[in-house]
N, C-alpha and C. Protein backbone atom coordinates (compact mmCIF):
# COMPACT_ATOMS: atom_id res chain seq x y z
N UNK A 1 9.48 -39.25 201.45
CA UNK A 1 8.11 -38.93 201.83
C UNK A 1 7.51 -40.12 202.55
N UNK A 2 6.81 -39.83 203.63
CA UNK A 2 6.14 -40.88 204.39
C UNK A 2 4.76 -41.11 203.79
N UNK A 3 4.25 -42.28 203.99
CA UNK A 3 2.92 -42.59 203.49
C UNK A 3 2.52 -43.99 203.88
N UNK A 4 1.30 -44.29 203.61
CA UNK A 4 0.79 -45.62 203.93
C UNK A 4 -0.31 -45.97 202.95
N UNK A 5 -0.49 -47.23 202.74
CA UNK A 5 -1.57 -47.71 201.89
C UNK A 5 -2.77 -48.15 202.72
N UNK A 6 -2.63 -48.16 204.03
CA UNK A 6 -3.73 -48.60 204.86
C UNK A 6 -3.32 -48.60 206.32
N UNK A 7 -4.19 -49.04 207.14
CA UNK A 7 -3.92 -49.10 208.57
C UNK A 7 -4.90 -50.05 209.23
N UNK A 8 -4.65 -50.32 210.46
CA UNK A 8 -5.53 -51.17 211.26
C UNK A 8 -6.08 -50.29 212.37
N UNK A 9 -7.39 -50.20 212.42
CA UNK A 9 -8.05 -49.33 213.38
C UNK A 9 -8.70 -50.13 214.49
N UNK A 10 -8.29 -49.85 215.72
CA UNK A 10 -8.96 -50.47 216.86
C UNK A 10 -10.39 -49.99 216.95
N UNK A 11 -10.61 -48.71 216.63
CA UNK A 11 -11.96 -48.16 216.68
C UNK A 11 -12.89 -48.93 215.75
N UNK A 12 -12.38 -49.35 214.61
CA UNK A 12 -13.21 -50.06 213.64
C UNK A 12 -13.74 -51.39 214.19
N UNK A 13 -13.09 -51.94 215.19
CA UNK A 13 -13.59 -53.19 215.77
C UNK A 13 -14.87 -52.96 216.57
N UNK A 14 -15.05 -51.77 217.11
CA UNK A 14 -16.21 -51.48 217.94
C UNK A 14 -17.19 -50.51 217.28
N UNK A 15 -16.70 -49.74 216.31
CA UNK A 15 -17.52 -48.74 215.66
C UNK A 15 -17.10 -48.63 214.19
N UNK A 16 -17.28 -49.72 213.42
CA UNK A 16 -16.79 -49.73 212.04
C UNK A 16 -17.43 -48.67 211.15
N UNK A 17 -18.62 -48.25 211.49
CA UNK A 17 -19.32 -47.28 210.65
C UNK A 17 -18.56 -45.96 210.51
N UNK A 18 -17.88 -45.53 211.57
CA UNK A 18 -17.23 -44.23 211.54
C UNK A 18 -16.03 -44.18 210.58
N UNK A 19 -15.04 -45.06 210.69
CA UNK A 19 -13.96 -44.99 209.71
C UNK A 19 -14.42 -45.28 208.28
N UNK A 20 -15.42 -46.14 208.12
CA UNK A 20 -15.94 -46.41 206.78
C UNK A 20 -16.59 -45.15 206.20
N UNK A 21 -17.35 -44.44 207.01
CA UNK A 21 -18.01 -43.21 206.54
C UNK A 21 -16.97 -42.14 206.19
N UNK A 22 -15.91 -42.04 206.99
CA UNK A 22 -14.84 -41.08 206.68
C UNK A 22 -14.21 -41.45 205.34
N UNK A 23 -13.92 -42.71 205.14
CA UNK A 23 -13.33 -43.19 203.89
C UNK A 23 -14.23 -42.86 202.71
N UNK A 24 -15.51 -43.17 202.84
CA UNK A 24 -16.46 -42.91 201.74
C UNK A 24 -16.53 -41.41 201.43
N UNK A 25 -16.55 -40.59 202.46
CA UNK A 25 -16.63 -39.14 202.24
C UNK A 25 -15.39 -38.64 201.50
N UNK A 26 -14.22 -39.09 201.91
CA UNK A 26 -12.98 -38.68 201.24
C UNK A 26 -12.99 -39.16 199.79
N UNK A 27 -13.34 -40.43 199.57
CA UNK A 27 -13.35 -40.98 198.21
C UNK A 27 -14.32 -40.24 197.30
N UNK A 28 -15.42 -39.75 197.85
CA UNK A 28 -16.41 -39.04 197.02
C UNK A 28 -16.10 -37.54 196.91
N UNK A 29 -15.04 -37.10 197.60
CA UNK A 29 -14.66 -35.69 197.54
C UNK A 29 -15.45 -34.80 198.49
N UNK A 30 -16.22 -35.39 199.39
CA UNK A 30 -17.02 -34.62 200.34
C UNK A 30 -16.17 -34.34 201.59
N UNK A 31 -15.29 -33.37 201.45
CA UNK A 31 -14.36 -33.09 202.54
C UNK A 31 -15.05 -32.46 203.74
N UNK A 32 -16.16 -31.79 203.53
CA UNK A 32 -16.90 -31.20 204.67
C UNK A 32 -17.41 -32.32 205.58
N UNK A 33 -18.00 -33.35 204.99
CA UNK A 33 -18.48 -34.49 205.78
C UNK A 33 -17.31 -35.23 206.40
N UNK A 34 -16.26 -35.45 205.62
CA UNK A 34 -15.08 -36.15 206.15
C UNK A 34 -14.51 -35.41 207.35
N UNK A 35 -14.45 -34.10 207.27
CA UNK A 35 -13.93 -33.29 208.39
C UNK A 35 -14.83 -33.38 209.61
N UNK A 36 -16.14 -33.30 209.39
CA UNK A 36 -17.09 -33.40 210.52
C UNK A 36 -17.00 -34.76 211.19
N UNK A 37 -16.91 -35.82 210.38
CA UNK A 37 -16.79 -37.15 210.95
C UNK A 37 -15.45 -37.36 211.64
N UNK A 38 -14.40 -36.77 211.11
CA UNK A 38 -13.08 -36.84 211.75
C UNK A 38 -13.11 -36.16 213.11
N UNK A 39 -13.87 -35.08 213.22
CA UNK A 39 -14.03 -34.41 214.51
C UNK A 39 -14.71 -35.35 215.51
N UNK A 40 -15.71 -36.08 215.05
CA UNK A 40 -16.39 -37.06 215.92
C UNK A 40 -15.41 -38.15 216.35
N UNK A 41 -14.59 -38.61 215.41
CA UNK A 41 -13.58 -39.62 215.73
C UNK A 41 -12.59 -39.08 216.76
N UNK A 42 -12.17 -37.84 216.60
CA UNK A 42 -11.25 -37.23 217.57
C UNK A 42 -11.85 -37.18 218.97
N UNK A 43 -13.14 -36.85 219.05
CA UNK A 43 -13.81 -36.83 220.36
C UNK A 43 -13.78 -38.23 220.98
N UNK A 44 -14.09 -39.22 220.18
CA UNK A 44 -14.09 -40.60 220.68
C UNK A 44 -12.68 -41.01 221.12
N UNK A 45 -11.69 -40.70 220.32
CA UNK A 45 -10.31 -41.08 220.66
C UNK A 45 -9.85 -40.40 221.95
N UNK A 46 -10.32 -39.17 222.20
CA UNK A 46 -9.93 -38.50 223.44
C UNK A 46 -10.47 -39.24 224.66
N UNK A 47 -11.61 -39.90 224.52
CA UNK A 47 -12.12 -40.74 225.60
C UNK A 47 -11.36 -42.06 225.69
N UNK A 48 -11.15 -42.69 224.55
CA UNK A 48 -10.51 -44.01 224.53
C UNK A 48 -9.15 -43.99 225.20
N UNK A 49 -8.38 -42.93 224.99
CA UNK A 49 -7.01 -42.89 225.53
C UNK A 49 -6.97 -42.74 227.05
N UNK A 50 -8.10 -42.54 227.68
CA UNK A 50 -8.16 -42.42 229.14
C UNK A 50 -8.16 -43.77 229.85
N UNK A 51 -8.31 -44.86 229.09
CA UNK A 51 -8.51 -46.17 229.69
C UNK A 51 -7.42 -47.15 229.26
N UNK A 52 -7.33 -48.27 229.98
CA UNK A 52 -6.40 -49.32 229.56
C UNK A 52 -6.75 -49.79 228.14
N UNK A 53 -5.75 -50.32 227.44
CA UNK A 53 -6.02 -50.82 226.08
C UNK A 53 -7.22 -51.76 226.07
N UNK A 54 -8.06 -51.58 225.11
CA UNK A 54 -9.26 -52.38 224.84
C UNK A 54 -10.44 -52.08 225.77
N UNK A 55 -10.24 -51.47 226.92
CA UNK A 55 -11.35 -51.25 227.85
C UNK A 55 -12.44 -50.38 227.22
N UNK A 56 -12.07 -49.28 226.61
CA UNK A 56 -13.06 -48.39 226.01
C UNK A 56 -13.73 -49.05 224.80
N UNK A 57 -12.93 -49.78 224.00
CA UNK A 57 -13.51 -50.44 222.84
C UNK A 57 -14.52 -51.50 223.26
N UNK A 58 -14.21 -52.23 224.31
CA UNK A 58 -15.15 -53.23 224.81
C UNK A 58 -16.38 -52.56 225.43
N UNK A 59 -16.19 -51.39 226.02
CA UNK A 59 -17.33 -50.66 226.57
C UNK A 59 -18.25 -50.19 225.44
N UNK A 60 -17.66 -49.77 224.32
CA UNK A 60 -18.47 -49.39 223.16
C UNK A 60 -19.29 -50.60 222.70
N UNK A 61 -18.65 -51.76 222.62
CA UNK A 61 -19.36 -52.97 222.21
C UNK A 61 -20.48 -53.31 223.19
N UNK A 62 -20.26 -53.06 224.46
CA UNK A 62 -21.32 -53.32 225.45
C UNK A 62 -22.47 -52.35 225.27
N UNK A 63 -22.17 -51.08 225.09
CA UNK A 63 -23.23 -50.09 224.88
C UNK A 63 -24.04 -50.44 223.63
N UNK A 64 -23.37 -50.99 222.64
CA UNK A 64 -24.05 -51.40 221.41
C UNK A 64 -24.76 -52.74 221.57
N UNK A 65 -24.64 -53.33 222.75
CA UNK A 65 -25.24 -54.63 223.08
C UNK A 65 -24.68 -55.77 222.23
N UNK A 66 -23.41 -55.66 221.92
CA UNK A 66 -22.73 -56.71 221.16
C UNK A 66 -22.16 -57.76 222.10
N UNK A 67 -21.66 -57.35 223.27
CA UNK A 67 -21.10 -58.28 224.23
C UNK A 67 -21.00 -57.62 225.59
N UNK A 68 -21.08 -58.41 226.65
CA UNK A 68 -20.91 -57.83 227.99
C UNK A 68 -19.44 -57.50 228.23
N UNK A 69 -19.19 -56.53 229.08
CA UNK A 69 -17.82 -56.13 229.36
C UNK A 69 -17.57 -56.09 230.86
N UNK A 70 -16.57 -56.83 231.27
CA UNK A 70 -16.03 -56.76 232.62
C UNK A 70 -14.52 -56.64 232.44
N UNK A 71 -13.92 -55.57 232.97
CA UNK A 71 -12.47 -55.41 232.79
C UNK A 71 -11.70 -56.62 233.30
N UNK A 72 -10.67 -57.02 232.55
CA UNK A 72 -9.83 -58.16 232.95
C UNK A 72 -9.12 -57.86 234.26
N UNK A 73 -8.73 -56.60 234.42
CA UNK A 73 -8.10 -56.13 235.65
C UNK A 73 -9.03 -55.08 236.24
N UNK A 74 -9.42 -55.22 237.49
CA UNK A 74 -10.35 -54.24 238.07
C UNK A 74 -9.80 -52.81 237.95
N UNK A 75 -10.70 -51.89 237.57
CA UNK A 75 -10.33 -50.49 237.46
C UNK A 75 -10.35 -49.85 238.84
N UNK A 76 -9.46 -48.87 239.05
CA UNK A 76 -9.49 -48.13 240.31
C UNK A 76 -10.74 -47.25 240.33
N UNK A 77 -11.04 -46.67 241.50
CA UNK A 77 -12.28 -45.88 241.65
C UNK A 77 -12.35 -44.72 240.67
N UNK A 78 -11.22 -44.07 240.42
CA UNK A 78 -11.20 -42.95 239.48
C UNK A 78 -11.54 -43.43 238.07
N UNK A 79 -10.93 -44.53 237.66
CA UNK A 79 -11.20 -45.08 236.33
C UNK A 79 -12.63 -45.60 236.21
N UNK A 80 -13.16 -46.16 237.28
CA UNK A 80 -14.55 -46.62 237.26
C UNK A 80 -15.50 -45.43 237.04
N UNK A 81 -15.24 -44.33 237.75
CA UNK A 81 -16.06 -43.13 237.59
C UNK A 81 -15.93 -42.58 236.17
N UNK A 82 -14.71 -42.57 235.66
CA UNK A 82 -14.47 -42.08 234.30
C UNK A 82 -15.17 -42.97 233.28
N UNK A 83 -15.18 -44.28 233.51
CA UNK A 83 -15.87 -45.20 232.61
C UNK A 83 -17.38 -44.95 232.63
N UNK A 84 -17.93 -44.63 233.79
CA UNK A 84 -19.36 -44.28 233.86
C UNK A 84 -19.64 -43.01 233.06
N UNK A 85 -18.76 -42.01 233.19
CA UNK A 85 -18.93 -40.76 232.43
C UNK A 85 -18.82 -41.04 230.92
N UNK A 86 -17.86 -41.87 230.54
CA UNK A 86 -17.70 -42.24 229.14
C UNK A 86 -18.95 -42.93 228.63
N UNK A 87 -19.49 -43.85 229.41
CA UNK A 87 -20.69 -44.58 228.99
C UNK A 87 -21.86 -43.63 228.78
N UNK A 88 -22.04 -42.71 229.70
CA UNK A 88 -23.12 -41.72 229.57
C UNK A 88 -22.92 -40.88 228.31
N UNK A 89 -21.69 -40.39 228.12
CA UNK A 89 -21.38 -39.60 226.92
C UNK A 89 -21.64 -40.42 225.67
N UNK A 90 -21.18 -41.67 225.66
CA UNK A 90 -21.31 -42.55 224.51
C UNK A 90 -22.78 -42.81 224.17
N UNK A 91 -23.59 -43.05 225.19
CA UNK A 91 -25.02 -43.30 224.95
C UNK A 91 -25.71 -42.10 224.32
N UNK A 92 -25.23 -40.90 224.62
CA UNK A 92 -25.79 -39.69 224.02
C UNK A 92 -25.18 -39.42 222.64
N UNK A 93 -23.92 -39.70 222.47
CA UNK A 93 -23.17 -39.39 221.25
C UNK A 93 -23.42 -40.39 220.13
N UNK A 94 -23.56 -41.66 220.48
CA UNK A 94 -23.60 -42.74 219.50
C UNK A 94 -24.75 -42.65 218.50
N UNK A 95 -25.99 -42.44 218.91
CA UNK A 95 -27.08 -42.43 217.92
C UNK A 95 -26.90 -41.39 216.80
N UNK A 96 -26.53 -40.19 217.17
CA UNK A 96 -26.34 -39.14 216.16
C UNK A 96 -25.14 -39.45 215.26
N UNK A 97 -24.10 -40.00 215.85
CA UNK A 97 -22.92 -40.34 215.07
C UNK A 97 -23.22 -41.46 214.09
N UNK A 98 -23.93 -42.49 214.54
CA UNK A 98 -24.31 -43.57 213.63
C UNK A 98 -25.21 -43.05 212.51
N UNK A 99 -26.11 -42.14 212.83
CA UNK A 99 -26.97 -41.56 211.80
C UNK A 99 -26.14 -40.78 210.79
N UNK A 100 -25.14 -40.04 211.27
CA UNK A 100 -24.27 -39.27 210.37
C UNK A 100 -23.43 -40.18 209.49
N UNK A 101 -23.20 -41.40 209.94
CA UNK A 101 -22.38 -42.36 209.19
C UNK A 101 -23.18 -43.12 208.14
N UNK A 102 -24.49 -43.06 208.22
CA UNK A 102 -25.32 -43.82 207.29
C UNK A 102 -25.14 -43.30 205.87
N UNK A 103 -24.97 -44.22 204.93
CA UNK A 103 -24.83 -43.77 203.54
C UNK A 103 -26.08 -43.02 203.10
N UNK A 104 -25.87 -41.93 202.40
CA UNK A 104 -26.97 -41.14 201.87
C UNK A 104 -27.37 -41.73 200.51
N UNK A 105 -28.66 -41.89 200.28
CA UNK A 105 -29.05 -42.40 198.96
C UNK A 105 -28.66 -41.38 197.88
N UNK A 106 -28.16 -41.88 196.79
CA UNK A 106 -27.79 -40.97 195.72
C UNK A 106 -29.04 -40.57 194.94
N UNK A 107 -29.04 -39.35 194.48
CA UNK A 107 -30.16 -38.82 193.72
C UNK A 107 -29.75 -38.83 192.26
N UNK A 108 -30.54 -39.50 191.46
CA UNK A 108 -30.25 -39.56 190.02
C UNK A 108 -31.29 -38.74 189.27
N UNK A 109 -30.82 -38.02 188.30
CA UNK A 109 -31.76 -37.21 187.53
C UNK A 109 -32.14 -37.87 186.24
C-alpha cells in the first residue's frame, strides 16, 4: 500500500492558508469544507501549471504584496498575456478563498 506522512507544498509558500484550512477541515471531520477547499486548490493548480516553475507562485506573492515579481527569464507574449489573465483571476478569487480559509470560531454551549 502506498502512503505518506506528509508532503511539501509549493502552494503553501505563497498561499499557506489554503492547505492549512484543508488540513483543519479533514482533521475536524468536515469533509464538505475540505472538498470545497480542495476544489479551490484544484482551480489554482490548473493556473499554476501553465507557467514556468515558481512564476505563478511568485505572482501570487506579488498580488498579496509580499514581494515584487519579475520573471528570471522573460516570458513570451502568449505567457505574458496568460499571466495577466491569471493575475486578474487571482485578484478576484483570492479574497473569497482567504475568507473561506479563515478559522471559524467554535461555539460552546
